């Protein structure tokens, strides 16, 4: 059973919840956030994020999962851990 993917057309990225298995595989053990799974080449974040980056905060708002990512007041200020 996989996690749902959330697309942000405004940002040109798609994210999913970070599962424990993904966290282990990608070296994000003990962390939570919205995992970037796709980036539109012409999107506003194309030069700032790449697939497998973990978005943990947007404009000082913690992002522990995709639900909080969707609720973030200003998605254009996303901070990702590469």
Protein backbone atom coordinates (compact mmCIF):
# COMPACT_ATOMS: atom_id res chain seq x y z
CA UNK A 1 0.00 0.00 0.00
CA UNK A 2 1.58 3.30 -1.11
CA UNK A 3 1.15 6.84 0.10
CA UNK A 4 -1.02 9.29 -1.78
CA UNK A 5 0.78 11.87 -3.88
CA UNK A 6 -0.19 15.53 -3.58
CA UNK A 7 0.52 17.85 -6.50
CA UNK A 8 1.01 21.58 -6.11
CA UNK A 9 0.41 23.20 -9.49
CA UNK A 10 1.45 26.58 -8.10
CA UNK A 11 4.87 25.23 -7.13
CA UNK A 12 5.27 22.67 -9.87
CA UNK A 13 6.06 19.82 -7.49
CA UNK A 14 4.43 16.63 -6.27
CA UNK A 15 4.93 15.37 -2.71
CA UNK A 16 4.02 12.36 -0.63
CA UNK A 17 4.20 11.51 3.07
CA UNK A 18 7.54 10.16 4.21
CA UNK A 19 7.03 6.57 5.35
CA UNK A 20 9.41 4.82 7.77
CA UNK A 21 10.70 2.62 4.91
CA UNK A 22 11.36 5.66 2.69
CA UNK A 23 13.03 7.48 5.58
CA UNK A 24 15.39 4.56 6.15
CA UNK A 25 16.20 4.19 2.46
CA UNK A 26 16.84 7.93 1.96
CA UNK A 27 18.65 8.59 5.24
CA UNK A 28 15.85 10.59 6.87
CA UNK A 29 15.41 8.35 9.94
CA UNK A 30 13.63 10.13 12.76
CA UNK A 31 12.35 12.91 10.51
CA UNK A 32 8.95 13.73 9.07
CA UNK A 33 7.82 15.92 6.23
CA UNK A 34 6.57 16.02 2.67
CA UNK A 35 8.85 14.07 0.35
CA UNK A 36 9.26 15.58 -3.12
CA UNK A 37 8.55 12.90 -5.74
CA UNK A 38 8.44 15.06 -8.90
CA UNK A 39 9.47 18.55 -10.00
CA UNK A 40 8.17 20.31 -13.12
CA UNK A 41 11.22 21.49 -15.12
CA UNK A 42 9.67 24.93 -15.69
CA UNK A 43 8.10 25.23 -12.22
CA UNK A 44 9.03 27.99 -9.75
CA UNK A 45 10.94 25.56 -7.51
CA UNK A 46 12.76 23.70 -10.30
CA UNK A 47 16.11 25.21 -9.35
CA UNK A 48 15.54 24.84 -5.60
CA UNK A 49 14.26 21.30 -5.00
CA UNK A 50 14.65 17.91 -6.59
CA UNK A 51 13.00 14.52 -6.15
CA UNK A 52 13.77 12.93 -2.75
CA UNK A 53 14.20 16.30 -1.01
CA UNK A 54 12.24 16.46 2.24
CA UNK A 55 10.15 19.58 2.88
CA UNK A 56 10.14 20.08 6.64
CA UNK A 57 9.11 23.72 6.97
CA UNK A 58 7.35 26.43 4.97
CA UNK A 59 7.67 30.03 6.13
CA UNK A 60 8.35 28.97 9.74
CA UNK A 61 5.38 26.53 9.63
CA UNK A 62 6.32 22.93 10.42
CA UNK A 63 5.39 20.45 7.68
CA UNK A 64 5.27 16.95 9.20
CA UNK A 65 3.18 15.52 6.33
CA UNK A 66 1.39 16.32 3.06
CA UNK A 67 -1.76 17.42 4.88
CA UNK A 68 0.19 20.22 6.56
CA UNK A 69 1.97 20.95 3.27
CA UNK A 70 -1.43 21.56 1.65
CA UNK A 71 -2.52 23.81 4.52
CA UNK A 72 0.65 25.91 4.53
CA UNK A 73 -0.17 29.59 4.08
CA UNK A 74 2.79 30.33 1.80
CA UNK A 75 4.05 27.33 -0.14
CA UNK A 76 6.46 29.54 -2.10
CA UNK A 77 8.79 29.72 0.93
CA UNK A 78 9.39 25.96 1.16
CA UNK A 79 12.60 24.86 2.92
CA UNK A 80 13.84 21.43 1.96
CA UNK A 81 16.50 19.16 3.39
CA UNK A 82 18.43 17.63 0.48
